[in-house]
Amino acid sequence: METKNLTCIGCPLGCSVTVEIEDGQVSRVTGNTCPRGDAYARKEVTNPTRIVTSTVRVSGGKDLMVSCKTKEDIPKDKIFAVTKALEGLCVPAPVHIGDVLLPDVAGTGVAIVATKNVESAEK
């Protein structure tokens, strides 16, 4: 039996959770104080995912960069491929919150979306 200790990020409590794994399957989760802790722990040890936040260059805007994020969580092992895909990306102004900046980042099927407004420099 394998044991993994995690700090849950499913809610603000940050419970110390212990996950027991037998034959590659989660057999028991302890230490969580809410159902989200159990779900988080099971997913974290079998298929960890993350939301990636970053910035992208903007051409012709009042700001040179726009903050962005993955619209959904992606597999944890794709984080570096996602950040690499954003390195050379430059989008034209104006940019608005929720605009899709890159529809399928690093072959994940997940879009990169703007999290800030950047108006055109002409205004």
PDB file of N, CA and C in Angstrom:
ATOM      1  N   MET A   1       0.847  -1.186   0.000  1.00  0.00           N
ATOM      2  CA  MET A   1       0.000   0.000   0.000  1.00  0.00           C
ATOM      3  C   MET A   1       0.888   1.244   0.000  1.00  0.00           C
ATOM      4  N   GLU A   2       0.505   2.221  -0.813  1.00  0.00           N
ATOM      5  CA  GLU A   2       1.214   3.494  -0.898  1.00  0.00           C
ATOM      6  C   GLU A   2       0.363   4.556  -0.216  1.00  0.00           C
ATOM      7  N   THR A   3       1.021   5.488   0.471  1.00  0.00           N
ATOM      8  CA  THR A   3       0.329   6.579   1.151  1.00  0.00           C
ATOM      9  C   THR A   3       0.878   7.904   0.651  1.00  0.00           C
ATOM     10  N   LYS A   4      -0.036   8.838   0.346  1.00  0.00           N
ATOM     11  CA  LYS A   4       0.364  10.181  -0.058  1.00  0.00           C
ATOM     12  C   LYS A   4      -0.331  11.179   0.845  1.00  0.00           C
ATOM     13  N   ASN A   5       0.439  12.178   1.295  1.00  0.00           N
ATOM     14  CA  ASN A   5      -0.096  13.248   2.114  1.00  0.00           C
ATOM     15  C   ASN A   5      -0.195  14.511   1.270  1.00  0.00           C
ATOM     16  N   LEU A   6      -1.366  15.137   1.304  1.00  0.00           N
ATOM     17  CA  LEU A   6      -1.633  16.330   0.506  1.00  0.00           C
ATOM     18  C   LEU A   6      -2.249  17.412   1.378  1.00  0.00           C
ATOM     19  N   THR A   7      -2.120  18.650   0.919  1.00  0.00           N
ATOM     20  CA  THR A   7      -2.892  19.737   1.495  1.00  0.00           C
ATOM     21  C   THR A   7      -3.991  20.047   0.505  1.00  0.00           C
ATOM     22  N   CYS A   8      -5.214  19.914   0.927  1.00  0.00           N
ATOM     23  CA  CYS A   8      -6.357  20.105   0.044  1.00  0.00           C
ATOM     24  C   CYS A   8      -6.499  21.585  -0.325  1.00  0.00           C
ATOM     25  N   ILE A   9      -6.795  21.839  -1.609  1.00  0.00           N
ATOM     26  CA  ILE A   9      -7.049  23.203  -2.070  1.00  0.00           C
ATOM     27  C   ILE A   9      -8.490  23.335  -2.574  1.00  0.00           C
ATOM     28  N   GLY A  10      -9.348  22.391  -2.198  1.00  0.00           N
ATOM     29  CA  GLY A  10     -10.741  22.390  -2.639  1.00  0.00           C
ATOM     30  C   GLY A  10     -11.593  23.466  -1.994  1.00  0.00           C
ATOM     31  N   CYS A  11     -11.192  23.942  -0.834  1.00  0.00           N
ATOM     32  CA  CYS A  11     -11.898  25.023  -0.144  1.00  0.00           C
ATOM     33  C   CYS A  11     -10.879  25.760   0.726  1.00  0.00           C
ATOM     34  N   PRO A  12     -11.249  26.836   1.376  1.00  0.00           N
ATOM     35  CA  PRO A  12     -10.281  27.625   2.157  1.00  0.00           C
ATOM     36  C   PRO A  12      -9.713  26.952   3.411  1.00  0.00           C
ATOM     37  N   LEU A  13     -10.257  25.816   3.841  1.00  0.00           N
ATOM     38  CA  LEU A  13      -9.775  25.191   5.075  1.00  0.00           C
ATOM     39  C   LEU A  13      -8.360  24.630   4.967  1.00  0.00           C
ATOM     40  N   GLY A  14      -7.965  24.130   3.796  1.00  0.00           N
ATOM     41  CA  GLY A  14      -6.611  23.594   3.609  1.00  0.00           C
ATOM     42  C   GLY A  14      -6.332  22.373   4.469  1.00  0.00           C
ATOM     43  N   CYS A  15      -7.220  21.427   4.481  1.00  0.00           N
ATOM     44  CA  CYS A  15      -7.070  20.217   5.297  1.00  0.00           C
ATOM     45  C   CYS A  15      -5.848  19.400   4.886  1.00  0.00           C
ATOM     46  N   SER A  16      -5.222  18.758   5.855  1.00  0.00           N
ATOM     47  CA  SER A  16      -4.168  17.787   5.585  1.00  0.00           C
ATOM     48  C   SER A  16      -4.849  16.453   5.307  1.00  0.00           C
ATOM     49  N   VAL A  17      -4.718  15.989   4.084  1.00  0.00           N
ATOM     50  CA  VAL A  17      -5.435  14.799   3.627  1.00  0.00           C
ATOM     51  C   VAL A  17      -4.436  13.682   3.372  1.00  0.00           C
ATOM     52  N   THR A  18      -4.808  12.480   3.767  1.00  0.00           N
ATOM     53  CA  THR A  18      -3.998  11.293   3.504  1.00  0.00           C
ATOM     54  C   THR A  18      -4.757  10.400   2.536  1.00  0.00           C
ATOM     55  N   VAL A  19      -4.043   9.987   1.487  1.00  0.00           N
ATOM     56  CA  VAL A  19      -4.646   9.124   0.468  1.00  0.00           C
ATOM     57  C   VAL A  19      -3.911   7.789   0.495  1.00  0.00           C
ATOM     58  N   GLU A  20      -4.670   6.708   0.617  1.00  0.00           N
ATOM     59  CA  GLU A  20      -4.105   5.368   0.563  1.00  0.00           C
ATOM     60  C   GLU A  20      -4.403   4.767  -0.801  1.00  0.00           C
ATOM     61  N   ILE A  21      -3.361   4.218  -1.437  1.00  0.00           N
ATOM     62  CA  ILE A  21      -3.486   3.670  -2.784  1.00  0.00           C
ATOM     63  C   ILE A  21      -3.079   2.205  -2.756  1.00  0.00           C
ATOM     64  N   GLU A  22      -3.955   1.358  -3.270  1.00  0.00           N
ATOM     65  CA  GLU A  22      -3.673  -0.074  -3.377  1.00  0.00           C
ATOM     66  C   GLU A  22      -3.895  -0.511  -4.819  1.00  0.00           C
ATOM     67  N   ASP A  23      -2.920  -1.171  -5.387  1.00  0.00           N
ATOM     68  CA  ASP A  23      -2.995  -1.668  -6.765  1.00  0.00           C
ATOM     69  C   ASP A  23      -3.367  -0.560  -7.759  1.00  0.00           C
ATOM     70  N   GLY A  24      -2.790   0.632  -7.551  1.00  0.00           N
ATOM     71  CA  GLY A  24      -3.022   1.747  -8.456  1.00  0.00           C
ATOM     72  C   GLY A  24      -4.360   2.441  -8.300  1.00  0.00           C
ATOM     73  N   GLN A  25      -5.156   2.037  -7.322  1.00  0.00           N
ATOM     74  CA  GLN A  25      -6.474   2.623  -7.089  1.00  0.00           C
ATOM     75  C   GLN A  25      -6.534   3.257  -5.706  1.00  0.00           C
ATOM     76  N   VAL A  26      -7.258   4.359  -5.594  1.00  0.00           N
ATOM     77  CA  VAL A  26      -7.453   4.999  -4.292  1.00  0.00           C
ATOM     78  C   VAL A  26      -8.374   4.112  -3.471  1.00  0.00           C
ATOM     79  N   SER A  27      -7.873   3.672  -2.313  1.00  0.00           N
ATOM     80  CA  SER A  27      -8.690   2.820  -1.458  1.00  0.00           C
ATOM     81  C   SER A  27      -9.317   3.587  -0.286  1.00  0.00           C
ATOM     82  N   ARG A  28      -8.658   4.709   0.102  1.00  0.00           N
ATOM     83  CA  ARG A  28      -9.169   5.444   1.263  1.00  0.00           C
ATOM     84  C   ARG A  28      -8.624   6.865   1.264  1.00  0.00           C
ATOM     85  N   VAL A  29      -9.474   7.813   1.653  1.00  0.00           N
ATOM     86  CA  VAL A  29      -9.080   9.208   1.844  1.00  0.00           C
ATOM     87  C   VAL A  29      -9.497   9.611   3.250  1.00  0.00           C
ATOM     88  N   THR A  30      -8.554  10.154   4.021  1.00  0.00           N
ATOM     89  CA  THR A  30      -8.865  10.592   5.385  1.00  0.00           C
ATOM     90  C   THR A  30      -8.316  11.996   5.609  1.00  0.00           C
ATOM     91  N   GLY A  31      -8.881  12.683   6.593  1.00  0.00           N
ATOM     92  CA  GLY A  31      -8.411  14.006   6.974  1.00  0.00           C
ATOM     93  C   GLY A  31      -9.228  15.140   6.392  1.00  0.00           C
ATOM     94  N   ASN A  32     -10.035  14.858   5.382  1.00  0.00           N
ATOM     95  CA  ASN A  32     -10.859  15.910   4.782  1.00  0.00           C
ATOM     96  C   ASN A  32     -12.064  16.188   5.667  1.00  0.00           C
ATOM     97  N   THR A  33     -12.474  17.463   5.696  1.00  0.00           N
ATOM     98  CA  THR A  33     -13.642  17.826   6.501  1.00  0.00           C
ATOM     99  C   THR A  33     -14.872  18.105   5.642  1.00  0.00           C
ATOM    100  N   CYS A  34     -14.696  18.051   4.320  1.00  0.00           N
ATOM    101  CA  CYS A  34     -15.848  18.242   3.433  1.00  0.00           C
ATOM    102  C   CYS A  34     -15.706  17.315   2.223  1.00  0.00           C
ATOM    103  N   PRO A  35     -16.781  17.092   1.490  1.00  0.00           N
ATOM    104  CA  PRO A  35     -16.731  16.190   0.329  1.00  0.00           C
ATOM    105  C   PRO A  35     -15.761  16.649  -0.761  1.00  0.00           C
ATOM    106  N   ARG A  36     -15.544  17.964  -0.854  1.00  0.00           N
ATOM    107  CA  ARG A  36     -14.607  18.464  -1.867  1.00  0.00           C
ATOM    108  C   ARG A  36     -13.197  17.947  -1.614  1.00  0.00           C
ATOM    109  N   GLY A  37     -12.847  17.741  -0.361  1.00  0.00           N
ATOM    110  CA  GLY A  37     -11.524  17.218  -0.018  1.00  0.00           C
ATOM    111  C   GLY A  37     -11.318  15.814  -0.540  1.00  0.00           C
ATOM    112  N   ASP A  38     -12.327  14.991  -0.415  1.00  0.00           N
ATOM    113  CA  ASP A  38     -12.251  13.625  -0.926  1.00  0.00           C
ATOM    114  C   ASP A  38     -12.100  13.638  -2.448  1.00  0.00           C
ATOM    115  N   ALA A  39     -12.909  14.438  -3.116  1.00  0.00           N
ATOM    116  CA  ALA A  39     -12.858  14.517  -4.589  1.00  0.00           C
ATOM    117  C   ALA A  39     -11.511  15.061  -5.050  1.00  0.00           C
ATOM    118  N   TYR A  40     -11.022  16.121  -4.386  1.00  0.00           N
ATOM    119  CA  TYR A  40      -9.729  16.707  -4.761  1.00  0.00           C
ATOM    120  C   TYR A  40      -8.610  15.686  -4.607  1.00  0.00           C
ATOM    121  N   ALA A  41      -8.563  15.005  -3.487  1.00  0.00           N
ATOM    122  CA  ALA A  41      -7.484  14.051  -3.217  1.00  0.00           C
ATOM    123  C   ALA A  41      -7.477  12.913  -4.233  1.00  0.00           C
ATOM    124  N   ARG A  42      -8.637  12.379  -4.532  1.00  0.00           N
ATOM    125  CA  ARG A  42      -8.721  11.286  -5.520  1.00  0.00           C
ATOM    126  C   ARG A  42      -8.235  11.745  -6.890  1.00  0.00           C
ATOM    127  N   LYS A  43      -8.654  12.924  -7.307  1.00  0.00           N
ATOM    128  CA  LYS A  43      -8.233  13.439  -8.609  1.00  0.00           C
ATOM    129  C   LYS A  43      -6.742  13.782  -8.614  1.00  0.00           C
ATOM    130  N   GLU A  44      -6.249  14.345  -7.549  1.00  0.00           N
ATOM    131  CA  GLU A  44      -4.848  14.778  -7.486  1.00  0.00           C
ATOM    132  C   GLU A  44      -3.872  13.606  -7.603  1.00  0.00           C
ATOM    133  N   VAL A  45      -4.213  12.464  -7.052  1.00  0.00           N
ATOM    134  CA  VAL A  45      -3.284  11.322  -7.131  1.00  0.00           C
ATOM    135  C   VAL A  45      -3.480  10.481  -8.384  1.00  0.00           C
ATOM    136  N   THR A  46      -4.612  10.620  -9.076  1.00  0.00           N
ATOM    137  CA  THR A  46      -4.839   9.812 -10.269  1.00  0.00           C
ATOM    138  C   THR A  46      -4.715  10.608 -11.564  1.00  0.00           C
ATOM    139  N   ASN A  47      -5.153  11.871 -11.573  1.00  0.00           N
ATOM    140  CA  ASN A  47      -5.124  12.691 -12.779  1.00  0.00           C
ATOM    141  C   ASN A  47      -5.029  14.169 -12.391  1.00  0.00           C
ATOM    142  N   PRO A  48      -3.851  14.620 -11.939  1.00  0.00           N
ATOM    143  CA  PRO A  48      -3.734  16.007 -11.480  1.00  0.00           C
ATOM    144  C   PRO A  48      -3.886  17.007 -12.621  1.00  0.00           C
ATOM    145  N   THR A  49      -4.624  18.074 -12.369  1.00  0.00           N
ATOM    146  CA  THR A  49      -4.851  19.127 -13.354  1.00  0.00           C
ATOM    147  C   THR A  49      -4.654  20.489 -12.701  1.00  0.00           C
ATOM    148  N   ARG A  50      -4.431  21.491 -13.539  1.00  0.00           N
ATOM    149  CA  ARG A  50      -4.239  22.850 -13.044  1.00  0.00           C
ATOM    150  C   ARG A  50      -4.818  23.858 -14.032  1.00  0.00           C
ATOM    151  N   ILE A  51      -5.194  25.031 -13.508  1.00  0.00           N
ATOM    152  CA  ILE A  51      -5.470  26.206 -14.318  1.00  0.00           C
ATOM    153  C   ILE A  51      -4.128  26.920 -14.441  1.00  0.00           C
ATOM    154  N   VAL A  52      -3.780  27.333 -15.658  1.00  0.00           N
ATOM    155  CA  VAL A  52      -2.520  28.045 -15.883  1.00  0.00           C
ATOM    156  C   VAL A  52      -2.838  29.516 -16.116  1.00  0.00           C
ATOM    157  N   THR A  53      -2.149  30.398 -15.400  1.00  0.00           N
ATOM    158  CA  THR A  53      -2.284  31.834 -15.610  1.00  0.00           C
ATOM    159  C   THR A  53      -0.973  32.366 -16.169  1.00  0.00           C
ATOM    160  N   SER A  54      -1.075  33.384 -17.014  1.00  0.00           N
ATOM    161  CA  SER A  54       0.119  33.937 -17.641  1.00  0.00           C
ATOM    162  C   SER A  54      -0.198  35.315 -18.197  1.00  0.00           C
ATOM    163  N   THR A  55       0.672  35.809 -19.073  1.00  0.00           N
ATOM    164  CA  THR A  55       0.439  37.039 -19.814  1.00  0.00           C
ATOM    165  C   THR A  55       0.802  36.803 -21.271  1.00  0.00           C
ATOM    166  N   VAL A  56       0.203  37.612 -22.143  1.00  0.00           N
ATOM    167  CA  VAL A  56       0.447  37.545 -23.579  1.00  0.00           C
ATOM    168  C   VAL A  56       0.688  38.974 -24.066  1.00  0.00           C
ATOM    169  N   ARG A  57       1.573  39.125 -25.032  1.00  0.00           N
ATOM    170  CA  ARG A  57       1.845  40.445 -25.604  1.00  0.00           C
ATOM    171  C   ARG A  57       0.622  40.960 -26.369  1.00  0.00           C
ATOM    172  N   VAL A  58       0.490  42.295 -26.370  1.00  0.00           N
ATOM    173  CA  VAL A  58      -0.586  42.959 -27.106  1.00  0.00           C
ATOM    174  C   VAL A  58       0.048  43.977 -28.044  1.00  0.00           C
ATOM    175  N   SER A  59      -0.381  43.983 -29.309  1.00  0.00           N
ATOM    176  CA  SER A  59       0.095  45.005 -30.255  1.00  0.00           C
ATOM    177  C   SER A  59      -0.975  46.079 -30.412  1.00  0.00           C
ATOM    178  N   GLY A  60      -0.527  47.333 -30.441  1.00  0.00           N
ATOM    179  CA  GLY A  60      -1.445  48.450 -30.647  1.00  0.00           C
ATOM    180  C   GLY A  60      -2.349  48.763 -29.479  1.00  0.00           C
ATOM    181  N   GLY A  61      -1.961  48.335 -28.288  1.00  0.00           N
ATOM    182  CA  GLY A  61      -2.810  48.570 -27.130  1.00  0.00           C
ATOM    183  C   GLY A  61      -2.240  49.593 -26.166  1.00  0.00           C
ATOM    184  N   LYS A  62      -3.089  50.080 -25.264  1.00  0.00           N
ATOM    185  CA  LYS A  62      -2.635  50.999 -24.214  1.00  0.00           C
ATOM    186  C   LYS A  62      -1.689  50.289 -23.249  1.00  0.00           C
ATOM    187  N   ASP A  63      -1.839  48.982 -23.118  1.00  0.00           N
ATOM    188  CA  ASP A  63      -0.929  48.165 -22.314  1.00  0.00           C
ATOM    189  C   ASP A  63      -0.170  47.238 -23.255  1.00  0.00           C
ATOM    190  N   LEU A  64       1.036  46.861 -22.876  1.00  0.00           N
ATOM    191  CA  LEU A  64       1.864  45.976 -23.701  1.00  0.00           C
ATOM    192  C   LEU A  64       1.525  44.507 -23.515  1.00  0.00           C
ATOM    193  N   MET A  65       0.880  44.172 -22.393  1.00  0.00           N
ATOM    194  CA  MET A  65       0.574  42.782 -22.063  1.00  0.00           C
ATOM    195  C   MET A  65      -0.870  42.682 -21.576  1.00  0.00           C
ATOM    196  N   VAL A  66      -1.430  41.480 -21.728  1.00  0.00           N
ATOM    197  CA  VAL A  66      -2.757  41.200 -21.184  1.00  0.00           C
ATOM    198  C   VAL A  66      -2.648  39.920 -20.356  1.00  0.00           C
ATOM    199  N   SER A  67      -3.252  39.922 -19.183  1.00  0.00           N
ATOM    200  CA  SER A  67      -3.276  38.712 -18.365  1.00  0.00           C
ATOM    201  C   SER A  67      -4.255  37.721 -18.982  1.00  0.00           C
ATOM    202  N   CYS A  68      -3.949  36.435 -18.793  1.00  0.00           N
ATOM    203  CA  CYS A  68      -4.784  35.398 -19.389  1.00  0.00           C
ATOM    204  C   CYS A  68      -4.710  34.127 -18.551  1.00  0.00           C
ATOM    205  N   LYS A  69      -5.565  33.164 -18.892  1.00  0.00           N
ATOM    206  CA  LYS A  69      -5.581  31.884 -18.193  1.00  0.00           C
ATOM    207  C   LYS A  69      -6.183  30.825 -19.094  1.00  0.00           C
ATOM    208  N   THR A  70      -5.963  29.566 -18.717  1.00  0.00           N
ATOM    209  CA  THR A  70      -6.660  28.501 -19.421  1.00  0.00           C
ATOM    210  C   THR A  70      -8.128  28.564 -19.003  1.00  0.00           C
ATOM    211  N   LYS A  71      -9.011  28.349 -19.963  1.00  0.00           N
ATOM    212  CA  LYS A  71     -10.446  28.434 -19.671  1.00  0.00           C
ATOM    213  C   LYS A  71     -10.880  27.318 -18.730  1.00  0.00           C
ATOM    214  N   GLU A  72     -10.201  26.181 -18.820  1.00  0.00           N
ATOM    215  CA  GLU A  72     -10.471  25.033 -17.950  1.00  0.00           C
ATOM    216  C   GLU A  72      -9.133  24.501 -17.459  1.00  0.00           C
ATOM    217  N   ASP A  73      -9.191  23.584 -16.522  1.00  0.00           N
ATOM    218  CA  ASP A  73      -7.945  22.984 -16.064  1.00  0.00           C
ATOM    219  C   ASP A  73      -7.393  22.045 -17.130  1.00  0.00           C
ATOM    220  N   ILE A  74      -6.072  21.919 -17.116  1.00  0.00           N
ATOM    221  CA  ILE A  74      -5.366  21.073 -18.076  1.00  0.00           C
ATOM    222  C   ILE A  74      -4.564  20.025 -17.303  1.00  0.00           C
ATOM    223  N   PRO A  75      -4.154  18.948 -17.955  1.00  0.00           N
ATOM    224  CA  PRO A  75      -3.303  17.980 -17.269  1.00  0.00           C
ATOM    225  C   PRO A  75      -2.016  18.652 -16.781  1.00  0.00           C
ATOM    226  N   LYS A  76      -1.624  18.334 -15.577  1.00  0.00           N
ATOM    227  CA  LYS A  76      -0.463  18.963 -14.953  1.00  0.00           C
ATOM    228  C   LYS A  76       0.802  18.798 -15.796  1.00  0.00           C
ATOM    229  N   ASP A  77       0.931  17.681 -16.492  1.00  0.00           N
ATOM    230  CA  ASP A  77       2.134  17.457 -17.288  1.00  0.00           C
ATOM    231  C   ASP A  77       2.168  18.290 -18.571  1.00  0.00           C
ATOM    232  N   LYS A  78       1.124  19.060 -18.855  1.00  0.00           N
ATOM    233  CA  LYS A  78       1.092  19.934 -20.036  1.00  0.00           C
ATOM    234  C   LYS A  78       1.405  21.395 -19.704  1.00  0.00           C
ATOM    235  N   ILE A  79       1.672  21.708 -18.438  1.00  0.00           N
ATOM    236  CA  ILE A  79       1.887  23.101 -18.033  1.00  0.00           C
ATOM    237  C   ILE A  79       3.020  23.748 -18.824  1.00  0.00           C
ATOM    238  N   PHE A  80       4.167  23.088 -18.924  1.00  0.00           N
ATOM    239  CA  PHE A  80       5.304  23.691 -19.612  1.00  0.00           C
ATOM    240  C   PHE A  80       5.036  23.846 -21.108  1.00  0.00           C
ATOM    241  N   ALA A  81       4.310  22.921 -21.720  1.00  0.00           N
ATOM    242  CA  ALA A  81       3.946  23.044 -23.134  1.00  0.00           C
ATOM    243  C   ALA A  81       3.023  24.244 -23.342  1.00  0.00           C
ATOM    244  N   VAL A  82       2.130  24.486 -22.401  1.00  0.00           N
ATOM    245  CA  VAL A  82       1.222  25.628 -22.489  1.00  0.00           C
ATOM    246  C   VAL A  82       2.007  26.933 -22.380  1.00  0.00           C
ATOM    247  N   THR A  83       2.888  27.036 -21.405  1.00  0.00           N
ATOM    248  CA  THR A  83       3.654  28.277 -21.255  1.00  0.00           C
ATOM    249  C   THR A  83       4.563  28.515 -22.463  1.00  0.00           C
ATOM    250  N   LYS A  84       5.113  27.451 -23.024  1.00  0.00           N
ATOM    251  CA  LYS A  84       5.943  27.566 -24.229  1.00  0.00           C
ATOM    252  C   LYS A  84       5.106  28.082 -25.400  1.00  0.00           C
ATOM    253  N   ALA A  85       3.883  27.605 -25.546  1.00  0.00           N
ATOM    254  CA  ALA A  85       3.006  28.032 -26.631  1.00  0.00           C
ATOM    255  C   ALA A  85       2.640  29.514 -26.527  1.00  0.00           C
ATOM    256  N   LEU A  86       2.655  30.067 -25.326  1.00  0.00           N
ATOM    257  CA  LEU A  86       2.300  31.469 -25.121  1.00  0.00           C
ATOM    258  C   LEU A  86       3.466  32.421 -25.335  1.00  0.00           C
ATOM    259  N   GLU A  87       4.701  31.906 -25.352  1.00  0.00           N
ATOM    260  CA  GLU A  87       5.896  32.757 -25.447  1.00  0.00           C
ATOM    261  C   GLU A  87       5.861  33.715 -26.630  1.00  0.00           C
ATOM    262  N   GLY A  88       5.544  33.231 -27.801  1.00  0.00           N
ATOM    263  CA  GLY A  88       5.584  34.076 -28.989  1.00  0.00           C
ATOM    264  C   GLY A  88       4.253  34.665 -29.394  1.00  0.00           C
ATOM    265  N   LEU A  89       3.231  34.426 -28.622  1.00  0.00           N
ATOM    266  CA  LEU A  89       1.886  34.893 -28.982  1.00  0.00           C
ATOM    267  C   LEU A  89       1.760  36.393 -28.767  1.00  0.00           C
ATOM    268  N   CYS A  90       1.226  37.085 -29.760  1.00  0.00           N
ATOM    269  CA  CYS A  90       0.949  38.519 -29.673  1.00  0.00           C
ATOM    270  C   CYS A  90      -0.437  38.730 -30.278  1.00  0.00           C
ATOM    271  N   VAL A  91      -1.327  39.360 -29.529  1.00  0.00           N
ATOM    272  CA  VAL A  91      -2.697  39.576 -29.991  1.00  0.00           C
ATOM    273  C   VAL A  91      -2.931  41.062 -30.227  1.00  0.00           C
ATOM    274  N   PRO A  92      -3.783  41.394 -31.202  1.00  0.00           N
ATOM    275  CA  PRO A  92      -4.056  42.812 -31.474  1.00  0.00           C
ATOM    276  C   PRO A  92      -5.077  43.385 -30.496  1.00  0.00           C
ATOM    277  N   ALA A  93      -4.887  44.662 -30.154  1.00  0.00           N
ATOM    278  CA  ALA A  93      -5.862  45.374 -29.331  1.00  0.00           C
ATOM    279  C   ALA A  93      -7.042  45.755 -30.220  1.00  0.00           C
ATOM    280  N   PRO A  94      -8.218  45.920 -29.682  1.00  0.00           N
ATOM    281  CA  PRO A  94      -8.588  45.784 -28.278  1.00  0.00           C
ATOM    282  C   PRO A  94      -8.786  44.323 -27.875  1.00  0.00           C
ATOM    283  N   VAL A  95      -8.590  44.078 -26.592  1.00  0.00           N
ATOM    284  CA  VAL A  95      -8.809  42.758 -26.003  1.00  0.00           C
ATOM    285  C   VAL A  95      -9.779  42.948 -24.839  1.00  0.00           C
ATOM    286  N   HIS A  96     -10.728  42.039 -24.733  1.00  0.00           N
ATOM    287  CA  HIS A  96     -11.714  42.130 -23.647  1.00  0.00           C
ATOM    288  C   HIS A  96     -11.726  40.854 -22.816  1.00  0.00           C
ATOM    289  N   ILE A  97     -12.090  40.998 -21.570  1.00  0.00           N
ATOM    290  CA  ILE A  97     -12.158  39.850 -20.665  1.00  0.00           C
ATOM    291  C   ILE A  97     -13.016  38.757 -21.303  1.00  0.00           C
ATOM    292  N   GLY A  98     -12.473  37.549 -21.338  1.00  0.00           N
ATOM    293  CA  GLY A  98     -13.188  36.412 -21.909  1.00  0.00           C
ATOM    294  C   GLY A  98     -12.871  36.142 -23.364  1.00  0.00           C
ATOM    295  N   ASP A  99     -12.208  37.102 -24.050  1.00  0.00           N
ATOM    296  CA  ASP A  99     -11.819  36.867 -25.444  1.00  0.00           C
ATOM    297  C   ASP A  99     -10.908  35.650 -25.530  1.00  0.00           C
ATOM    298  N   VAL A 100     -11.125  34.812 -26.530  1.00  0.00           N
ATOM    299  CA  VAL A 100     -10.254  33.659 -26.759  1.00  0.00           C
ATOM    300  C   VAL A 100      -9.002  34.145 -27.476  1.00  0.00           C
ATOM    301  N   LEU A 101      -7.860  33.975 -26.835  1.00  0.00           N
ATOM    302  CA  LEU A 101      -6.591  34.415 -27.411  1.00  0.00           C
ATOM    303  C   LEU A 101      -5.916  33.295 -28.192  1.00  0.00           C
ATOM    304  N   LEU A 102      -6.164  32.069 -27.790  1.00  0.00           N
ATOM    305  CA  LEU A 102      -5.626  30.886 -28.460  1.00  0.00           C
ATOM    306  C   LEU A 102      -6.624  29.758 -28.218  1.00  0.00           C
ATOM    307  N   PRO A 103      -7.251  29.229 -29.283  1.00  0.00           N
ATOM    308  CA  PRO A 103      -8.361  28.290 -29.081  1.00  0.00           C
ATOM    309  C   PRO A 103      -7.982  26.900 -28.558  1.00  0.00           C
ATOM    310  N   ASP A 104      -6.827  26.388 -28.919  1.00  0.00           N
ATOM    311  CA  ASP A 104      -6.445  25.031 -28.505  1.00  0.00           C
ATOM    312  C   ASP A 104      -4.970  25.051 -28.135  1.00  0.00           C
ATOM    313  N   VAL A 105      -4.680  25.424 -26.914  1.00  0.00           N
ATOM    314  CA  VAL A 105      -3.290  25.591 -26.509  1.00  0.00           C
ATOM    315  C   VAL A 105      -2.603  24.243 -26.317  1.00  0.00           C
ATOM    316  N   ALA A 106      -1.497  24.067 -26.967  1.00  0.00           N
ATOM    317  CA  ALA A 106      -0.625  22.887 -26.816  1.00  0.00           C
ATOM    318  C   ALA A 106      -1.371  21.562 -27.005  1.00  0.00           C
ATOM    319  N   GLY A 107      -2.369  21.564 -27.873  1.00  0.00           N
ATOM    320  CA  GLY A 107      -3.100  20.336 -28.151  1.00  0.00           C
ATOM    321  C   GLY A 107      -3.935  19.814 -26.999  1.00  0.00           C
ATOM    322  N   THR A 108      -4.260  20.673 -26.047  1.00  0.00           N
ATOM    323  CA  THR A 108      -5.054  20.253 -24.888  1.00  0.00           C
ATOM    324  C   THR A 108      -6.549  20.306 -25.148  1.00  0.00           C
ATOM    325  N   GLY A 109      -6.952  21.035 -26.199  1.00  0.00           N
ATOM    326  CA  GLY A 109      -8.377  21.249 -26.440  1.00  0.00           C
ATOM    327  C   GLY A 109      -8.960  22.350 -25.581  1.00  0.00           C
ATOM    328  N   VAL A 110      -8.098  23.050 -24.838  1.00  0.00           N
ATOM    329  CA  VAL A 110      -8.529  24.101 -23.920  1.00  0.00           C
ATOM    330  C   VAL A 110      -8.059  25.456 -24.460  1.00  0.00           C
ATOM    331  N   ALA A 111      -8.931  26.440 -24.375  1.00  0.00           N
ATOM    332  CA  ALA A 111      -8.618  27.784 -24.873  1.00  0.00           C
ATOM    333  C   ALA A 111      -7.889  28.614 -23.820  1.00  0.00           C
ATOM    334  N   ILE A 112      -7.099  29.567 -24.313  1.00  0.00           N
ATOM    335  CA  ILE A 112      -6.522  30.615 -23.466  1.00  0.00           C
ATOM    336  C   ILE A 112      -7.432  31.823 -23.607  1.00  0.00           C
ATOM    337  N   VAL A 113      -7.895  32.376 -22.486  1.00  0.00           N
ATOM    338  CA  VAL A 113      -8.804  33.520 -22.504  1.00  0.00           C
ATOM    339  C   VAL A 113      -8.208  34.699 -21.740  1.00  0.00           C
ATOM    340  N   ALA A 114      -8.561  35.898 -22.192  1.00  0.00           N
ATOM    341  CA  ALA A 114      -8.106  37.123 -21.539  1.00  0.00           C
ATOM    342  C   ALA A 114      -8.808  37.299 -20.203  1.00  0.00           C
ATOM    343  N   THR A 115      -8.068  37.834 -19.231  1.00  0.00           N
ATOM    344  CA  THR A 115      -8.649  38.109 -17.913  1.00  0.00           C
ATOM    345  C   THR A 115      -8.598  39.601 -17.577  1.00  0.00           C
ATOM    346  N   LYS A 116      -8.330  40.410 -18.617  1.00  0.00           N
ATOM    347  CA  LYS A 116      -8.216  41.858 -18.441  1.00  0.00           C
ATOM    348  C   LYS A 116      -8.626  42.524 -19.750  1.00  0.00           C
ATOM    349  N   ASN A 117      -9.118  43.736 -19.679  1.00  0.00           N
ATOM    350  CA  ASN A 117      -9.401  44.524 -20.870  1.00  0.00           C
ATOM    351  C   ASN A 117      -8.171  45.339 -21.235  1.00  0.00           C
ATOM    352  N   VAL A 118      -7.845  45.385 -22.516  1.00  0.00           N
ATOM    353  CA  VAL A 118      -6.789  46.272 -23.024  1.00  0.00           C
ATOM    354  C   VAL A 118      -7.357  46.995 -24.226  1.00  0.00           C
ATOM    355  N   GLU A 119      -7.512  48.312 -24.104  1.00  0.00           N
ATOM    356  CA  GLU A 119      -8.067  49.115 -25.182  1.00  0.00           C
ATOM    357  C   GLU A 119      -6.989  49.485 -26.187  1.00  0.00           C
ATOM    358  N   SER A 120      -7.413  49.857 -27.375  1.00  0.00           N
ATOM    359  CA  SER A 120      -6.488  50.307 -28.414  1.00  0.00           C
ATOM    360  C   SER A 120      -5.809  51.596 -27.991  1.00  0.00           C
ATOM    361  N   ALA A 121      -4.584  51.787 -28.424  1.00  0.00           N
ATOM    362  CA  ALA A 121      -3.806  52.972 -28.056  1.00  0.00           C
ATOM    363  C   ALA A 121      -4.336  54.232 -28.694  1.00  0.00           C
ATOM    364  N   GLU A 122      -5.070  54.139 -29.809  1.00  0.00           N
ATOM    365  CA  GLU A 122      -5.562  55.314 -30.526  1.00  0.00           C
ATOM    366  C   GLU A 122      -6.570  56.124 -29.733  1.00  0.00           C
ATOM    367  N   LYS A 123      -7.259  55.527 -28.783  1.00  0.00           N
ATOM    368  CA  LYS A 123      -8.340  56.218 -28.072  1.00  0.00           C
ATOM    369  C   LYS A 123      -7.807  57.208 -27.079  1.00  0.00           C
TER     370      LYS A 123
END
